[in-house]
Structure formats: C-alpha cells, structure tokens
Amino acid sequence: MNARTATLLGILGILLYALIGVQYLGSGLVMPYPWVFGMWALWIGGFYVLIRVFRSSPAWTPLVPLVAIVMWVVIVQLGSWLFDWTA
C-alpha cells in the first residue's frame, strides 16, 4: 500500500472517530452522569490512541473507531442489563 492510500485511510479513521464521538457525547441520554464522564474520558483516551496509530501506521487508523463503537455498545448494553439503564 502506498503512502497516499495509507494517509487517506488515516484521515477516514479520524473522521469516523469524530462521528463516534457524537455517540459518546450523547451517552447522557442512556446512562447516569458519573458513567457518562467515564465514557467521555474513555473517548479522549481513544483519541490519544488514534493519534499514536495515525503517526506510526495510518492504514490501521480505521480500526480505532471500530473498537470505540464496539466498546460503546458493550458498555451501554451491560449497563442496561446490570443497572437497568433506559433511554
């Protein structure tokens, strides 16, 4: 894979991560606020990982948003089952 394609994939990953950030910001509609602050901290930590991956190998950057959305779904679903979180 050439450098231009890898950079384009990296930029796509960054844009997807920003879109997933909307999910993390809207988590307050589903879960109580102490948990929401933890989700926001998790998203910020993921942004740090995203930048590190983009700098080292940008072609792998789209995997970071995929992991982020899977983590969000798992956390919200577990909260729904264990703590009766509802919208």
PDB file of N, CA and C in Angstrom:
ATOM      1  N   MET A   1       0.853  -1.174   0.000  1.00  0.00           N
ATOM      2  CA  MET A   1       0.000   0.000   0.000  1.00  0.00           C
ATOM      3  C   MET A   1       0.901   1.239   0.000  1.00  0.00           C
ATOM      4  N   ASN A   2       0.553   2.177  -0.856  1.00  0.00           N
ATOM      5  CA  ASN A   2       1.394   3.373  -0.926  1.00  0.00           C
ATOM      6  C   ASN A   2       1.031   4.365   0.178  1.00  0.00           C
ATOM      7  N   ALA A   3       1.865   5.367   0.326  1.00  0.00           N
ATOM      8  CA  ALA A   3       1.711   6.328   1.425  1.00  0.00           C
ATOM      9  C   ALA A   3       0.439   7.152   1.285  1.00  0.00           C
ATOM     10  N   ARG A   4       0.044   7.458   0.073  1.00  0.00           N
ATOM     11  CA  ARG A   4      -1.152   8.287  -0.124  1.00  0.00           C
ATOM     12  C   ARG A   4      -2.414   7.536   0.310  1.00  0.00           C
ATOM     13  N   THR A   5      -2.508   6.275  -0.058  1.00  0.00           N
ATOM     14  CA  THR A   5      -3.664   5.463   0.350  1.00  0.00           C
ATOM     15  C   THR A   5      -3.705   5.304   1.867  1.00  0.00           C
ATOM     16  N   ALA A   6      -2.543   5.068   2.467  1.00  0.00           N
ATOM     17  CA  ALA A   6      -2.489   4.929   3.920  1.00  0.00           C
ATOM     18  C   ALA A   6      -2.917   6.221   4.603  1.00  0.00           C
ATOM     19  N   THR A   7      -2.500   7.355   4.074  1.00  0.00           N
ATOM     20  CA  THR A   7      -2.895   8.645   4.649  1.00  0.00           C
ATOM     21  C   THR A   7      -4.394   8.878   4.504  1.00  0.00           C
ATOM     22  N   LEU A   8      -4.947   8.509   3.346  1.00  0.00           N
ATOM     23  CA  LEU A   8      -6.394   8.659   3.161  1.00  0.00           C
ATOM     24  C   LEU A   8      -7.174   7.761   4.123  1.00  0.00           C
ATOM     25  N   LEU A   9      -6.688   6.547   4.335  1.00  0.00           N
ATOM     26  CA  LEU A   9      -7.327   5.670   5.316  1.00  0.00           C
ATOM     27  C   LEU A   9      -7.217   6.262   6.721  1.00  0.00           C
ATOM     28  N   GLY A  10      -6.087   6.877   7.025  1.00  0.00           N
ATOM     29  CA  GLY A  10      -5.904   7.526   8.316  1.00  0.00           C
ATOM     30  C   GLY A  10      -6.873   8.667   8.522  1.00  0.00           C
ATOM     31  N   ILE A  11      -7.049   9.471   7.494  1.00  0.00           N
ATOM     32  CA  ILE A  11      -7.988  10.594   7.587  1.00  0.00           C
ATOM     33  C   ILE A  11      -9.423  10.078   7.727  1.00  0.00           C
ATOM     34  N   LEU A  12      -9.736   9.010   7.010  1.00  0.00           N
ATOM     35  CA  LEU A  12     -11.063   8.394   7.154  1.00  0.00           C
ATOM     36  C   LEU A  12     -11.283   7.910   8.587  1.00  0.00           C
ATOM     37  N   GLY A  13     -10.260   7.302   9.165  1.00  0.00           N
ATOM     38  CA  GLY A  13     -10.363   6.841  10.545  1.00  0.00           C
ATOM     39  C   GLY A  13     -10.590   7.980  11.520  1.00  0.00           C
ATOM     40  N   ILE A  14      -9.922   9.100  11.297  1.00  0.00           N
ATOM     41  CA  ILE A  14     -10.103  10.262  12.173  1.00  0.00           C
ATOM     42  C   ILE A  14     -11.524  10.807  12.042  1.00  0.00           C
ATOM     43  N   LEU A  15     -12.039  10.887  10.824  1.00  0.00           N
ATOM     44  CA  LEU A  15     -13.404  11.374  10.630  1.00  0.00           C
ATOM     45  C   LEU A  15     -14.435  10.433  11.259  1.00  0.00           C
ATOM     46  N   LEU A  16     -14.219   9.137  11.107  1.00  0.00           N
ATOM     47  CA  LEU A  16     -15.129   8.175  11.731  1.00  0.00           C
ATOM     48  C   LEU A  16     -15.081   8.279  13.253  1.00  0.00           C
ATOM     49  N   TYR A  17     -13.897   8.509  13.793  1.00  0.00           N
ATOM     50  CA  TYR A  17     -13.781   8.630  15.245  1.00  0.00           C
ATOM     51  C   TYR A  17     -14.507   9.882  15.743  1.00  0.00           C
ATOM     52  N   ALA A  18     -14.452  10.947  14.970  1.00  0.00           N
ATOM     53  CA  ALA A  18     -15.194  12.153  15.348  1.00  0.00           C
ATOM     54  C   ALA A  18     -16.700  11.890  15.340  1.00  0.00           C
ATOM     55  N   LEU A  19     -17.177  11.135  14.363  1.00  0.00           N
ATOM     56  CA  LEU A  19     -18.603  10.792  14.319  1.00  0.00           C
ATOM     57  C   LEU A  19     -19.003   9.927  15.506  1.00  0.00           C
ATOM     58  N   ILE A  20     -18.156   9.012  15.890  1.00  0.00           N
ATOM     59  CA  ILE A  20     -18.441   8.171  17.043  1.00  0.00           C
ATOM     60  C   ILE A  20     -18.419   8.996  18.324  1.00  0.00           C
ATOM     61  N   GLY A  21     -17.664  10.076  18.325  1.00  0.00           N
ATOM     62  CA  GLY A  21     -17.649  10.974  19.474  1.00  0.00           C
ATOM     63  C   GLY A  21     -19.029  11.526  19.787  1.00  0.00           C
ATOM     64  N   VAL A  22     -19.855  11.672  18.769  1.00  0.00           N
ATOM     65  CA  VAL A  22     -21.235  12.131  18.984  1.00  0.00           C
ATOM     66  C   VAL A  22     -21.993  11.114  19.833  1.00  0.00           C
ATOM     67  N   GLN A  23     -21.772   9.825  19.567  1.00  0.00           N
ATOM     68  CA  GLN A  23     -22.393   8.779  20.389  1.00  0.00           C
ATOM     69  C   GLN A  23     -21.945   8.884  21.839  1.00  0.00           C
ATOM     70  N   TYR A  24     -20.650   9.072  22.026  1.00  0.00           N
ATOM     71  CA  TYR A  24     -20.112   9.172  23.379  1.00  0.00           C
ATOM     72  C   TYR A  24     -20.644  10.428  24.082  1.00  0.00           C
ATOM     73  N   LEU A  25     -20.754  11.530  23.354  1.00  0.00           N
ATOM     74  CA  LEU A  25     -21.281  12.750  23.969  1.00  0.00           C
ATOM     75  C   LEU A  25     -22.758  12.602  24.319  1.00  0.00           C
ATOM     76  N   GLY A  26     -23.490  11.846  23.523  1.00  0.00           N
ATOM     77  CA  GLY A  26     -24.914  11.658  23.775  1.00  0.00           C
ATOM     78  C   GLY A  26     -25.225  10.537  24.751  1.00  0.00           C
ATOM     79  N   SER A  27     -24.215   9.977  25.355  1.00  0.00           N
ATOM     80  CA  SER A  27     -24.436   8.861  26.279  1.00  0.00           C
ATOM     81  C   SER A  27     -25.277   9.253  27.483  1.00  0.00           C
ATOM     82  N   GLY A  28     -25.341  10.537  27.784  1.00  0.00           N
ATOM     83  CA  GLY A  28     -26.135  11.003  28.906  1.00  0.00           C
ATOM     84  C   GLY A  28     -27.622  10.749  28.736  1.00  0.00           C
ATOM     85  N   LEU A  29     -28.053  10.448  27.525  1.00  0.00           N
ATOM     86  CA  LEU A  29     -29.454  10.114  27.303  1.00  0.00           C
ATOM     87  C   LEU A  29     -29.787   8.698  27.756  1.00  0.00           C
ATOM     88  N   VAL A  30     -28.761   7.883  27.953  1.00  0.00           N
ATOM     89  CA  VAL A  30     -28.973   6.478  28.274  1.00  0.00           C
ATOM     90  C   VAL A  30     -28.479   6.123  29.671  1.00  0.00           C
ATOM     91  N   MET A  31     -27.414   6.747  30.124  1.00  0.00           N
ATOM     92  CA  MET A  31     -26.774   6.343  31.380  1.00  0.00           C
ATOM     93  C   MET A  31     -26.637   7.528  32.330  1.00  0.00           C
ATOM     94  N   PRO A  32     -26.475   7.268  33.630  1.00  0.00           N
ATOM     95  CA  PRO A  32     -26.304   8.356  34.596  1.00  0.00           C
ATOM     96  C   PRO A  32     -24.949   9.055  34.423  1.00  0.00           C
ATOM     97  N   TYR A  33     -24.901  10.296  34.914  1.00  0.00           N
ATOM     98  CA  TYR A  33     -23.744  11.132  34.620  1.00  0.00           C
ATOM     99  C   TYR A  33     -22.406  10.680  35.186  1.00  0.00           C
ATOM    100  N   PRO A  34     -22.286  10.039  36.305  1.00  0.00           N
ATOM    101  CA  PRO A  34     -20.940   9.565  36.656  1.00  0.00           C
ATOM    102  C   PRO A  34     -20.375   8.616  35.597  1.00  0.00           C
ATOM    103  N   TRP A  35     -21.224   7.804  35.003  1.00  0.00           N
ATOM    104  CA  TRP A  35     -20.790   6.903  33.952  1.00  0.00           C
ATOM    105  C   TRP A  35     -20.499   7.656  32.657  1.00  0.00           C
ATOM    106  N   VAL A  36     -21.261   8.706  32.401  1.00  0.00           N
ATOM    107  CA  VAL A  36     -21.043   9.498  31.184  1.00  0.00           C
ATOM    108  C   VAL A  36     -19.668  10.144  31.214  1.00  0.00           C
ATOM    109  N   PHE A  37     -19.274  10.661  32.372  1.00  0.00           N
ATOM    110  CA  PHE A  37     -17.945  11.268  32.464  1.00  0.00           C
ATOM    111  C   PHE A  37     -16.858  10.236  32.196  1.00  0.00           C
ATOM    112  N   GLY A  38     -17.071   9.016  32.651  1.00  0.00           N
ATOM    113  CA  GLY A  38     -16.137   7.934  32.347  1.00  0.00           C
ATOM    114  C   GLY A  38     -16.100   7.612  30.862  1.00  0.00           C
ATOM    115  N   MET A  39     -17.259   7.653  30.214  1.00  0.00           N
ATOM    116  CA  MET A  39     -17.295   7.418  28.775  1.00  0.00           C
ATOM    117  C   MET A  39     -16.551   8.506  28.016  1.00  0.00           C
ATOM    118  N   TRP A  40     -16.731   9.759  28.465  1.00  0.00           N
ATOM    119  CA  TRP A  40     -16.007  10.848  27.812  1.00  0.00           C
ATOM    120  C   TRP A  40     -14.501  10.687  27.990  1.00  0.00           C
ATOM    121  N   ALA A  41     -14.085  10.277  29.180  1.00  0.00           N
ATOM    122  CA  ALA A  41     -12.655  10.045  29.428  1.00  0.00           C
ATOM    123  C   ALA A  41     -12.154   8.893  28.553  1.00  0.00           C
ATOM    124  N   LEU A  42     -12.973   7.876  28.377  1.00  0.00           N
ATOM    125  CA  LEU A  42     -12.612   6.762  27.514  1.00  0.00           C
ATOM    126  C   LEU A  42     -12.449   7.225  26.066  1.00  0.00           C
ATOM    127  N   TRP A  43     -13.339   8.106  25.618  1.00  0.00           N
ATOM    128  CA  TRP A  43     -13.246   8.618  24.252  1.00  0.00           C
ATOM    129  C   TRP A  43     -11.982   9.466  24.074  1.00  0.00           C
ATOM    130  N   ILE A  44     -11.658  10.273  25.059  1.00  0.00           N
ATOM    131  CA  ILE A  44     -10.446  11.093  24.971  1.00  0.00           C
ATOM    132  C   ILE A  44      -9.202  10.199  24.962  1.00  0.00           C
ATOM    133  N   GLY A  45      -9.206   9.157  25.774  1.00  0.00           N
ATOM    134  CA  GLY A  45      -8.097   8.204  25.748  1.00  0.00           C
ATOM    135  C   GLY A  45      -7.987   7.513  24.398  1.00  0.00           C
ATOM    136  N   GLY A  46      -9.106   7.201  23.811  1.00  0.00           N
ATOM    137  CA  GLY A  46      -9.110   6.605  22.479  1.00  0.00           C
ATOM    138  C   GLY A  46      -8.585   7.557  21.426  1.00  0.00           C
ATOM    139  N   PHE A  47      -8.832   8.852  21.609  1.00  0.00           N
ATOM    140  CA  PHE A  47      -8.297   9.850  20.685  1.00  0.00           C
ATOM    141  C   PHE A  47      -6.776   9.875  20.745  1.00  0.00           C
ATOM    142  N   TYR A  48      -6.237   9.724  21.947  1.00  0.00           N
ATOM    143  CA  TYR A  48      -4.782   9.638  22.100  1.00  0.00           C
ATOM    144  C   TYR A  48      -4.245   8.421  21.344  1.00  0.00           C
ATOM    145  N   VAL A  49      -4.915   7.288  21.499  1.00  0.00           N
ATOM    146  CA  VAL A  49      -4.512   6.075  20.784  1.00  0.00           C
ATOM    147  C   VAL A  49      -4.629   6.289  19.275  1.00  0.00           C
ATOM    148  N   LEU A  50      -5.689   6.948  18.839  1.00  0.00           N
ATOM    149  CA  LEU A  50      -5.891   7.232  17.421  1.00  0.00           C
ATOM    150  C   LEU A  50      -4.729   8.032  16.849  1.00  0.00           C
ATOM    151  N   ILE A  51      -4.305   9.052  17.546  1.00  0.00           N
ATOM    152  CA  ILE A  51      -3.191   9.876  17.069  1.00  0.00           C
ATOM    153  C   ILE A  51      -1.907   9.059  17.014  1.00  0.00           C
ATOM    154  N   ARG A  52      -1.677   8.233  18.023  1.00  0.00           N
ATOM    155  CA  ARG A  52      -0.478   7.393  18.024  1.00  0.00           C
ATOM    156  C   ARG A  52      -0.476   6.418  16.840  1.00  0.00           C
ATOM    157  N   VAL A  53      -1.636   5.795  16.583  1.00  0.00           N
ATOM    158  CA  VAL A  53      -1.741   4.854  15.464  1.00  0.00           C
ATOM    159  C   VAL A  53      -1.575   5.598  14.144  1.00  0.00           C
ATOM    160  N   PHE A  54      -2.159   6.783  14.028  1.00  0.00           N
ATOM    161  CA  PHE A  54      -2.045   7.563  12.795  1.00  0.00           C
ATOM    162  C   PHE A  54      -0.600   7.926  12.506  1.00  0.00           C
ATOM    163  N   ARG A  55       0.149   8.267  13.529  1.00  0.00           N
ATOM    164  CA  ARG A  55       1.550   8.636  13.325  1.00  0.00           C
ATOM    165  C   ARG A  55       2.416   7.438  12.955  1.00  0.00           C
ATOM    166  N   SER A  56       2.139   6.277  13.539  1.00  0.00           N
ATOM    167  CA  SER A  56       3.002   5.128  13.274  1.00  0.00           C
ATOM    168  C   SER A  56       2.591   4.367  12.010  1.00  0.00           C
ATOM    169  N   SER A  57       1.317   4.084  11.850  1.00  0.00           N
ATOM    170  CA  SER A  57       0.848   3.367  10.652  1.00  0.00           C
ATOM    171  C   SER A  57      -0.585   3.787  10.360  1.00  0.00           C
ATOM    172  N   PRO A  58      -0.762   4.820   9.546  1.00  0.00           N
ATOM    173  CA  PRO A  58      -2.095   5.383   9.318  1.00  0.00           C
ATOM    174  C   PRO A  58      -3.092   4.424   8.679  1.00  0.00           C
ATOM    175  N   ALA A  59      -2.632   3.391   8.021  1.00  0.00           N
ATOM    176  CA  ALA A  59      -3.571   2.457   7.388  1.00  0.00           C
ATOM    177  C   ALA A  59      -4.407   1.707   8.422  1.00  0.00           C
ATOM    178  N   TRP A  60      -3.927   1.577   9.648  1.00  0.00           N
ATOM    179  CA  TRP A  60      -4.646   0.871  10.705  1.00  0.00           C
ATOM    180  C   TRP A  60      -5.579   1.790  11.495  1.00  0.00           C
ATOM    181  N   THR A  61      -5.593   3.059  11.178  1.00  0.00           N
ATOM    182  CA  THR A  61      -6.396   4.030  11.926  1.00  0.00           C
ATOM    183  C   THR A  61      -7.898   3.721  11.902  1.00  0.00           C
ATOM    184  N   PRO A  62      -8.491   3.233  10.803  1.00  0.00           N
ATOM    185  CA  PRO A  62      -9.930   2.940  10.836  1.00  0.00           C
ATOM    186  C   PRO A  62     -10.335   1.860  11.846  1.00  0.00           C
ATOM    187  N   LEU A  63      -9.398   1.087  12.347  1.00  0.00           N
ATOM    188  CA  LEU A  63      -9.751   0.087  13.357  1.00  0.00           C
ATOM    189  C   LEU A  63     -10.076   0.724  14.711  1.00  0.00           C
ATOM    190  N   VAL A  64      -9.504   1.892  14.987  1.00  0.00           N
ATOM    191  CA  VAL A  64      -9.740   2.545  16.277  1.00  0.00           C
ATOM    192  C   VAL A  64     -11.215   2.944  16.425  1.00  0.00           C
ATOM    193  N   PRO A  65     -11.853   3.569  15.424  1.00  0.00           N
ATOM    194  CA  PRO A  65     -13.289   3.847  15.576  1.00  0.00           C
ATOM    195  C   PRO A  65     -14.129   2.587  15.683  1.00  0.00           C
ATOM    196  N   LEU A  66     -13.731   1.534  15.008  1.00  0.00           N
ATOM    197  CA  LEU A  66     -14.469   0.280  15.113  1.00  0.00           C
ATOM    198  C   LEU A  66     -14.432  -0.255  16.538  1.00  0.00           C
ATOM    199  N   VAL A  67     -13.267  -0.236  17.143  1.00  0.00           N
ATOM    200  CA  VAL A  67     -13.137  -0.673  18.541  1.00  0.00           C
ATOM    201  C   VAL A  67     -13.940   0.246  19.460  1.00  0.00           C
ATOM    202  N   ALA A  68     -13.911   1.545  19.179  1.00  0.00           N
ATOM    203  CA  ALA A  68     -14.630   2.509  20.022  1.00  0.00           C
ATOM    204  C   ALA A  68     -16.137   2.280  19.991  1.00  0.00           C
ATOM    205  N   ILE A  69     -16.692   2.004  18.826  1.00  0.00           N
ATOM    206  CA  ILE A  69     -18.144   1.806  18.763  1.00  0.00           C
ATOM    207  C   ILE A  69     -18.536   0.468  19.384  1.00  0.00           C
ATOM    208  N   VAL A  70     -17.698  -0.552  19.228  1.00  0.00           N
ATOM    209  CA  VAL A  70     -17.985  -1.837  19.872  1.00  0.00           C
ATOM    210  C   VAL A  70     -17.942  -1.675  21.390  1.00  0.00           C
ATOM    211  N   MET A  71     -16.948  -0.940  21.897  1.00  0.00           N
ATOM    212  CA  MET A  71     -16.872  -0.704  23.342  1.00  0.00           C
ATOM    213  C   MET A  71     -18.094   0.055  23.833  1.00  0.00           C
ATOM    214  N   TRP A  72     -18.541   1.051  23.086  1.00  0.00           N
ATOM    215  CA  TRP A  72     -19.708   1.838  23.499  1.00  0.00           C
ATOM    216  C   TRP A  72     -20.944   0.940  23.577  1.00  0.00           C
ATOM    217  N   VAL A  73     -21.147   0.126  22.555  1.00  0.00           N
ATOM    218  CA  VAL A  73     -22.317  -0.753  22.534  1.00  0.00           C
ATOM    219  C   VAL A  73     -22.259  -1.753  23.693  1.00  0.00           C
ATOM    220  N   VAL A  74     -21.093  -2.323  23.934  1.00  0.00           N
ATOM    221  CA  VAL A  74     -20.958  -3.303  25.014  1.00  0.00           C
ATOM    222  C   VAL A  74     -21.216  -2.649  26.373  1.00  0.00           C
ATOM    223  N   ILE A  75     -20.658  -1.467  26.602  1.00  0.00           N
ATOM    224  CA  ILE A  75     -20.844  -0.789  27.890  1.00  0.00           C
ATOM    225  C   ILE A  75     -22.306  -0.404  28.094  1.00  0.00           C
ATOM    226  N   VAL A  76     -22.934   0.129  27.072  1.00  0.00           N
ATOM    227  CA  VAL A  76     -24.344   0.523  27.206  1.00  0.00           C
ATOM    228  C   VAL A  76     -25.228  -0.712  27.392  1.00  0.00           C
ATOM    229  N   GLN A  77     -24.935  -1.768  26.672  1.00  0.00           N
ATOM    230  CA  GLN A  77     -25.748  -2.984  26.817  1.00  0.00           C
ATOM    231  C   GLN A  77     -25.560  -3.614  28.191  1.00  0.00           C
ATOM    232  N   LEU A  78     -24.326  -3.679  28.661  1.00  0.00           N
ATOM    233  CA  LEU A  78     -24.094  -4.212  30.015  1.00  0.00           C
ATOM    234  C   LEU A  78     -24.768  -3.343  31.071  1.00  0.00           C
ATOM    235  N   GLY A  79     -24.717  -2.031  30.900  1.00  0.00           N
ATOM    236  CA  GLY A  79     -25.398  -1.139  31.832  1.00  0.00           C
ATOM    237  C   GLY A  79     -26.905  -1.347  31.810  1.00  0.00           C
ATOM    238  N   SER A  80     -27.427  -1.615  30.637  1.00  0.00           N
ATOM    239  CA  SER A  80     -28.854  -1.882  30.523  1.00  0.00           C
ATOM    240  C   SER A  80     -29.228  -3.170  31.261  1.00  0.00           C
ATOM    241  N   TRP A  81     -28.403  -4.195  31.102  1.00  0.00           N
ATOM    242  CA  TRP A  81     -28.692  -5.478  31.760  1.00  0.00           C
ATOM    243  C   TRP A  81     -28.455  -5.423  33.263  1.00  0.00           C
ATOM    244  N   LEU A  82     -27.358  -4.812  33.674  1.00  0.00           N
ATOM    245  CA  LEU A  82     -26.959  -4.863  35.084  1.00  0.00           C
ATOM    246  C   LEU A  82     -27.585  -3.757  35.929  1.00  0.00           C
ATOM    247  N   PHE A  83     -27.751  -2.557  35.349  1.00  0.00           N
ATOM    248  CA  PHE A  83     -28.185  -1.410  36.146  1.00  0.00           C
ATOM    249  C   PHE A  83     -29.520  -0.830  35.687  1.00  0.00           C
ATOM    250  N   ASP A  84     -30.184  -1.472  34.746  1.00  0.00           N
ATOM    251  CA  ASP A  84     -31.481  -1.018  34.224  1.00  0.00           C
ATOM    252  C   ASP A  84     -31.423   0.388  33.625  1.00  0.00           C
ATOM    253  N   TRP A  85     -30.360   0.693  32.904  1.00  0.00           N
ATOM    254  CA  TRP A  85     -30.300   1.970  32.208  1.00  0.00           C
ATOM    255  C   TRP A  85     -31.293   1.941  31.056  1.00  0.00           C
ATOM    256  N   THR A  86     -32.090   2.975  30.957  1.00  0.00           N
ATOM    257  CA  THR A  86     -33.033   3.096  29.836  1.00  0.00           C
ATOM    258  C   THR A  86     -33.007   4.516  29.328  1.00  0.00           C
ATOM    259  N   ALA A  87     -33.424   4.661  28.100  1.00  0.00           N
ATOM    260  CA  ALA A  87     -33.469   5.999  27.496  1.00  0.00           C
ATOM    261  C   ALA A  87     -34.731   6.720  27.899  1.00  0.00           C
TER     262      ALA A  87
END
